[in-house]
Amino acid sequence: MHIYPTIMLSFLLLSCTKPEQQKEIKPKTSFKKIEKNSKFNTYWYAGKAEITSYTLTQVRYGEIHEGLAVNIFVTEDFLPKKQVKADYPDKNNIPVLKLNSTKNYTTGIYPYSLMTSTFSPININNKAIKISFSAQEWCGNTFVQLNNKANFQVDFYSYFESNYDKKISLKKNILENELWNIIRISPTALPIGELQIIPSFEYLGLNHKKIQAYEAITSLKEKGDFQFYSINYPILKRTLTIKASKNFPYTIESWEETFSSRGKLLTTKAEKIKTIQSAYWNKNGVADVRERTALGLD
């Protein structure tokens, strides 16, 4: 894996309520300010990824299941047309912050393994270029991929008849998945108010919800050394709250997600174990497992 410090971008973050109430939300932090931020460049372009482990209590099948979650944030150069990581530097590459978010937990006899990848331009004015989600468990696989084209193009694959394979074209509303990256780049750019947001593909895919934007109410509050970003979906009866450090690098400390599962309103919780920086792609030898131990993963 190669990480390049090239930074280029340009665009406008739009958030919508109902069509007649559509309004423009402008980021409070410009890309030029981020580009000139020496702390940002030193932290994110040091040739390492940021890896954070979490204890996880996950809602599934109307119960709470214990597991582990890991968030891996890393900068990369992205090809705008092919929408994949660039193998070589080029002036047309787009610098992105990638989040690979994983969860592993067991429900009764069988395990779940989830992963979501979100590729967001460092330019906070532009929407995520690509998002993919996959779930593997003993019943089968679920896979979702969004590509940012003229519209959002979504490919969905599942083993359930009630959640059959489909291709969907969506209006470019705010994506819940991309908001995790915006927290890390510039929390002041987070959209606040009554909006239309496309929920996470993990939630939509595993709960057999229609893939579309839903009415949401968001807020950003500070308490002590931390900030709390909340998204409430009244129709879905679902709330997500992400706790991050108030100061750079805005590390994600924990999150809670409350929603209905088999008629019960339950809450998934994740609490940070440890954060490290590592060029993990070069550490695939037997001796390298010590970093997994440091993260509390073994």
Protein backbone atom coordinates (compact mmCIF):
# COMPACT_ATOMS: atom_id res chain seq x y z
CA MET A 1 0.00 0.00 0.00
CA HIS A 2 1.21 3.48 -0.83
CA ILE A 3 0.05 6.72 0.76
CA TYR A 4 0.59 9.97 -1.10
CA PRO A 5 0.30 13.46 0.35
CA THR A 6 -1.22 14.98 -2.78
CA ILE A 7 -4.35 16.91 -1.90
CA MET A 8 -6.82 18.23 -4.44
CA LEU A 9 -10.58 18.72 -4.41
CA SER A 10 -13.62 20.90 -5.08
CA PHE A 11 -17.35 20.63 -4.30
CA LEU A 12 -20.35 21.60 -2.24
CA LEU A 13 -21.97 19.50 0.51
CA LEU A 14 -25.72 19.58 0.09
CA SER A 15 -28.23 18.39 2.59
CA CYS A 16 -31.91 18.17 1.91
CA THR A 17 -35.08 18.07 3.86
CA LYS A 18 -38.29 17.68 1.93
CA PRO A 19 -38.03 19.06 -1.62
CA GLU A 20 -39.89 22.21 -0.73
CA GLN A 21 -37.59 22.72 2.29
CA GLN A 22 -34.31 21.95 0.55
CA LYS A 23 -31.47 24.07 1.84
CA GLU A 24 -27.74 24.29 1.42
CA ILE A 25 -25.47 23.57 4.36
CA LYS A 26 -22.02 25.03 3.89
CA PRO A 27 -19.03 23.53 5.71
CA LYS A 28 -17.62 25.90 8.32
CA THR A 29 -14.11 24.71 7.49
CA SER A 30 -12.68 25.23 4.01
CA PHE A 31 -10.53 22.69 2.22
CA LYS A 32 -7.74 25.26 1.96
CA LYS A 33 -7.64 25.43 5.74
CA ILE A 34 -7.32 21.64 5.96
CA GLU A 35 -4.68 21.62 3.22
CA LYS A 36 -2.52 24.08 5.17
CA ASN A 37 -3.04 22.36 8.52
CA SER A 38 0.39 21.00 9.44
CA LYS A 39 -1.07 18.83 12.22
CA PHE A 40 -3.47 17.21 9.74
CA ASN A 41 -0.72 16.48 7.22
CA THR A 42 1.75 15.24 9.83
CA TYR A 43 -0.79 12.86 11.31
CA TRP A 44 -2.50 11.53 8.19
CA TYR A 45 0.45 11.48 5.77
CA ALA A 46 3.05 9.78 7.96
CA GLY A 47 2.83 6.50 6.02
CA LYS A 48 0.71 4.80 8.68
CA ALA A 49 -2.92 3.95 9.33
CA GLU A 50 -4.77 4.69 12.54
CA ILE A 51 -6.21 1.50 14.06
CA THR A 52 -8.65 1.55 16.97
CA SER A 53 -10.14 -1.50 18.68
CA TYR A 54 -13.44 -1.52 20.58
CA THR A 55 -15.36 -3.83 22.85
CA LEU A 56 -18.72 -4.44 21.18
CA THR A 57 -22.17 -5.34 22.50
CA GLN A 58 -24.22 -5.83 19.34
CA VAL A 59 -27.99 -5.99 18.91
CA ARG A 60 -29.16 -8.95 16.82
CA TYR A 61 -32.27 -11.17 16.96
CA GLY A 62 -33.73 -9.25 19.88
CA GLU A 63 -30.72 -9.84 22.13
CA ILE A 64 -27.29 -8.38 22.92
CA HIS A 65 -24.20 -10.27 21.72
CA GLU A 66 -20.59 -9.60 22.73
CA GLY A 67 -17.86 -9.07 20.17
CA LEU A 68 -15.09 -6.82 18.91
CA ALA A 69 -15.02 -3.92 16.45
CA VAL A 70 -12.07 -2.27 14.70
CA ASN A 71 -11.90 1.02 12.79
CA ILE A 72 -8.99 1.49 10.40
CA PHE A 73 -8.55 5.02 9.00
CA VAL A 74 -5.92 5.64 6.33
CA THR A 75 -5.29 8.11 3.50
CA GLU A 76 -4.99 6.86 -0.07
CA ASP A 77 -5.00 8.09 -3.63
CA PHE A 78 -8.15 7.12 -5.50
CA LEU A 79 -8.94 6.83 -9.22
CA PRO A 80 -12.04 8.95 -9.91
CA LYS A 81 -13.28 6.99 -12.95
CA LYS A 82 -12.45 3.40 -11.98
CA GLN A 83 -13.25 4.23 -8.36
CA VAL A 84 -10.54 2.04 -6.91
CA LYS A 85 -7.29 2.70 -5.06
CA ALA A 86 -4.57 4.04 -7.36
CA ASP A 87 -1.47 1.87 -7.78
CA TYR A 88 0.63 4.81 -8.98
CA PRO A 89 0.77 8.57 -8.29
CA ASP A 90 -0.95 10.78 -10.84
CA LYS A 91 -2.13 14.39 -10.88
CA ASN A 92 -5.70 13.21 -11.52
CA ASN A 93 -5.84 10.99 -8.45
CA ILE A 94 -8.17 12.08 -5.67
CA PRO A 95 -6.80 11.94 -2.10
CA VAL A 96 -9.29 10.20 0.18
CA LEU A 97 -9.66 9.17 3.78
CA LYS A 98 -10.69 5.52 3.86
CA LEU A 99 -12.48 3.92 6.78
CA ASN A 100 -12.51 0.14 7.00
CA SER A 101 -14.89 -0.67 9.84
CA THR A 102 -15.14 -4.28 11.01
CA LYS A 103 -17.33 -6.12 13.52
CA ASN A 104 -17.10 -9.71 14.72
CA TYR A 105 -19.62 -11.27 17.08
CA THR A 106 -21.38 -14.59 17.62
CA THR A 107 -25.13 -15.20 17.76
CA GLY A 108 -25.70 -18.49 19.52
CA ILE A 109 -23.81 -21.17 17.61
CA TYR A 110 -22.82 -19.14 14.56
CA PRO A 111 -20.58 -16.10 13.97
CA TYR A 112 -21.06 -12.83 12.11
CA SER A 113 -18.26 -11.00 10.29
CA LEU A 114 -19.08 -7.51 8.97
CA MET A 115 -17.01 -4.95 7.10
CA THR A 116 -17.81 -1.54 5.66
CA SER A 117 -15.36 0.45 3.50
CA THR A 118 -15.99 4.15 2.91
CA PHE A 119 -13.82 6.31 0.62
CA SER A 120 -14.29 10.04 1.27
CA PRO A 121 -12.40 12.86 -0.47
CA ILE A 122 -10.25 14.91 1.88
CA ASN A 123 -12.06 17.83 0.27
CA ILE A 124 -15.02 17.99 2.64
CA ASN A 125 -17.11 19.65 -0.10
CA ASN A 126 -17.31 16.36 -2.01
CA LYS A 127 -19.38 13.30 -1.25
CA ALA A 128 -18.02 9.81 -0.69
CA ILE A 129 -16.84 8.25 -3.93
CA LYS A 130 -17.48 4.64 -3.01
CA ILE A 131 -18.92 2.59 -0.15
CA SER A 132 -19.10 -1.19 0.19
CA PHE A 133 -20.58 -3.39 2.89
CA SER A 134 -20.40 -7.14 3.33
CA ALA A 135 -21.74 -9.56 5.92
CA GLN A 136 -20.76 -13.21 6.25
CA GLU A 137 -22.57 -15.62 8.55
CA TRP A 138 -23.63 -19.24 8.40
CA CYS A 139 -26.91 -18.47 6.66
CA GLY A 140 -25.13 -16.77 3.76
CA ASN A 141 -23.60 -13.55 2.41
CA THR A 142 -24.91 -10.01 1.93
CA PHE A 143 -23.03 -7.48 -0.18
CA VAL A 144 -23.76 -3.84 -1.02
CA GLN A 145 -21.71 -1.42 -3.12
CA LEU A 146 -22.40 2.25 -3.84
CA ASN A 147 -20.57 4.13 -6.59
CA ASN A 148 -20.79 7.90 -6.93
CA LYS A 149 -21.72 8.46 -10.59
CA ALA A 150 -24.29 10.87 -12.07
CA ASN A 151 -26.47 9.48 -9.27
CA PHE A 152 -25.58 7.06 -6.50
CA GLN A 153 -25.54 3.64 -8.15
CA VAL A 154 -26.13 0.82 -5.66
CA ASP A 155 -25.69 -2.91 -6.28
CA PHE A 156 -27.27 -5.12 -3.63
CA TYR A 157 -26.90 -8.89 -3.26
CA SER A 158 -28.44 -11.14 -0.60
CA TYR A 159 -29.46 -14.75 -0.01
CA PHE A 160 -32.95 -13.77 1.30
CA GLU A 161 -36.00 -13.82 -0.97
CA SER A 162 -37.39 -10.84 0.97
CA ASN A 163 -34.10 -9.01 0.37
CA TYR A 164 -33.46 -10.09 -3.20
CA ASP A 165 -30.69 -8.86 -5.54
CA LYS A 166 -31.29 -5.43 -7.00
CA LYS A 167 -29.74 -2.40 -8.68
CA ILE A 168 -30.82 1.00 -7.38
CA SER A 169 -30.25 4.59 -8.50
CA LEU A 170 -30.45 7.15 -5.70
CA LYS A 171 -30.43 10.92 -5.48
CA LYS A 172 -27.23 12.23 -3.90
CA ASN A 173 -28.43 12.74 -0.36
CA ILE A 174 -26.16 12.62 2.67
CA LEU A 175 -24.72 9.18 3.43
CA GLU A 176 -24.53 8.12 7.06
CA ASN A 177 -21.41 6.10 6.29
CA GLU A 178 -19.50 9.16 5.07
CA LEU A 179 -20.23 11.13 8.24
CA TRP A 180 -17.73 9.03 10.20
CA ASN A 181 -14.98 10.32 7.88
CA ILE A 182 -16.17 13.91 8.08
CA ILE A 183 -15.87 13.70 11.87
CA ARG A 184 -12.19 12.81 11.41
CA ILE A 185 -11.47 15.44 8.73
CA SER A 186 -13.43 18.42 10.06
CA PRO A 187 -16.29 18.04 12.57
CA THR A 188 -17.43 21.62 11.94
CA ALA A 189 -18.46 20.47 8.45
CA LEU A 190 -20.96 17.94 9.79
CA PRO A 191 -24.52 18.61 8.54
CA ILE A 192 -26.84 19.78 11.32
CA GLY A 193 -30.63 20.01 11.38
CA GLU A 194 -33.58 18.29 9.69
CA LEU A 195 -32.16 16.41 6.72
CA GLN A 196 -32.58 13.52 4.33
CA ILE A 197 -29.93 10.86 5.09
CA ILE A 198 -29.26 7.41 3.62
CA PRO A 199 -28.68 5.17 6.68
CA SER A 200 -25.68 2.87 6.98
CA PHE A 201 -25.68 -0.11 4.64
CA GLU A 202 -25.08 -2.38 7.62
CA TYR A 203 -28.37 -1.28 9.16
CA LEU A 204 -30.31 -1.32 5.88
CA GLY A 205 -28.91 -4.66 4.72
CA LEU A 206 -29.19 -6.64 7.94
CA ASN A 207 -32.61 -5.27 8.88
CA HIS A 208 -34.17 -5.61 5.41
CA LYS A 209 -34.99 -1.92 5.13
CA LYS A 210 -35.60 -0.16 1.84
CA ILE A 211 -32.42 1.46 0.53
CA GLN A 212 -33.35 5.13 0.33
CA ALA A 213 -32.95 8.42 2.20
CA TYR A 214 -34.99 8.86 5.38
CA GLU A 215 -35.93 11.95 7.36
CA ALA A 216 -33.34 12.54 10.07
CA ILE A 217 -32.54 15.07 12.75
CA THR A 218 -28.87 15.64 13.57
CA SER A 219 -27.02 17.53 16.29
CA LEU A 220 -23.45 18.17 17.43
CA LYS A 221 -22.83 18.87 21.12
CA GLU A 222 -19.74 19.30 23.26
CA LYS A 223 -19.23 18.02 26.79
CA GLY A 224 -15.86 18.32 28.47
CA ASP A 225 -13.12 17.06 26.16
CA PHE A 226 -15.55 15.30 23.83
CA GLN A 227 -18.11 16.02 21.13
CA PHE A 228 -21.22 13.97 20.41
CA TYR A 229 -22.75 13.73 16.94
CA SER A 230 -26.27 12.27 16.92
CA ILE A 231 -28.54 11.16 14.08
CA ASN A 232 -32.18 10.40 14.88
CA TYR A 233 -34.42 8.72 12.28
CA PRO A 234 -38.00 9.13 13.62
CA ILE A 235 -39.62 6.82 11.05
CA LEU A 236 -37.08 4.06 11.65
CA LYS A 237 -37.10 4.64 15.44
CA ARG A 238 -33.32 4.53 15.27
CA THR A 239 -30.68 6.79 16.81
CA LEU A 240 -26.90 6.75 16.33
CA THR A 241 -24.59 8.78 18.59
CA ILE A 242 -20.85 8.97 17.95
CA LYS A 243 -18.51 10.23 20.68
CA ALA A 244 -15.22 11.75 19.47
CA SER A 245 -12.45 13.78 21.05
CA LYS A 246 -13.07 17.50 20.80
CA ASN A 247 -9.56 18.28 19.57
CA PHE A 248 -7.58 17.00 16.59
CA PRO A 249 -7.27 14.20 15.51
CA TYR A 250 -10.91 13.80 16.64
CA THR A 251 -10.47 10.16 17.65
CA ILE A 252 -13.70 8.17 17.83
CA GLU A 253 -14.00 7.02 21.45
CA SER A 254 -17.30 5.15 21.34
CA TRP A 255 -20.72 4.97 19.73
CA GLU A 256 -24.24 3.84 20.53
CA GLU A 257 -26.94 2.74 18.09
CA THR A 258 -30.50 2.22 19.36
CA PHE A 259 -33.12 0.51 17.18
CA SER A 260 -35.90 -2.06 17.29
CA SER A 261 -34.99 -5.74 17.05
CA ARG A 262 -37.78 -8.32 17.21
CA GLY A 263 -40.08 -5.79 18.82
CA LYS A 264 -37.59 -4.62 21.45
CA LEU A 265 -35.78 -1.28 21.51
CA LEU A 266 -32.17 -2.23 22.21
CA THR A 267 -28.80 -0.48 22.02
CA THR A 268 -25.56 -1.55 20.37
CA LYS A 269 -22.52 -0.10 22.17
CA ALA A 270 -18.82 0.12 21.28
CA GLU A 271 -16.13 1.35 23.72
CA LYS A 272 -12.53 2.08 22.74
CA ILE A 273 -9.84 -0.35 23.88
CA LYS A 274 -6.76 1.16 22.27
CA THR A 275 -5.58 3.28 19.32
CA ILE A 276 -2.27 2.71 17.51
CA GLN A 277 -0.68 3.94 14.29
CA SER A 278 0.77 1.25 12.09
CA ALA A 279 1.74 0.46 8.50
CA TYR A 280 -0.25 -2.72 8.95
CA TRP A 281 -0.04 -3.79 5.29
CA ASN A 282 3.67 -4.55 5.83
CA LYS A 283 3.03 -6.54 9.00
CA ASN A 284 1.75 -9.90 7.89
CA GLY A 285 4.35 -12.16 9.50
CA VAL A 286 3.89 -14.49 12.44
CA ALA A 287 5.87 -12.14 14.72
CA ASP A 288 3.56 -9.23 13.90
CA VAL A 289 0.71 -10.62 15.99
CA ARG A 290 2.07 -8.62 18.96
CA GLU A 291 0.25 -5.55 17.61
CA ARG A 292 -3.03 -7.47 17.68
CA THR A 293 -2.28 -8.28 21.30
CA ALA A 294 -1.66 -4.58 22.01
CA LEU A 295 -5.08 -3.81 20.48
CA GLY A 296 -6.76 -6.41 22.69
CA LEU A 297 -7.74 -8.51 19.68
CA ASP A 298 -6.04 -11.74 20.81
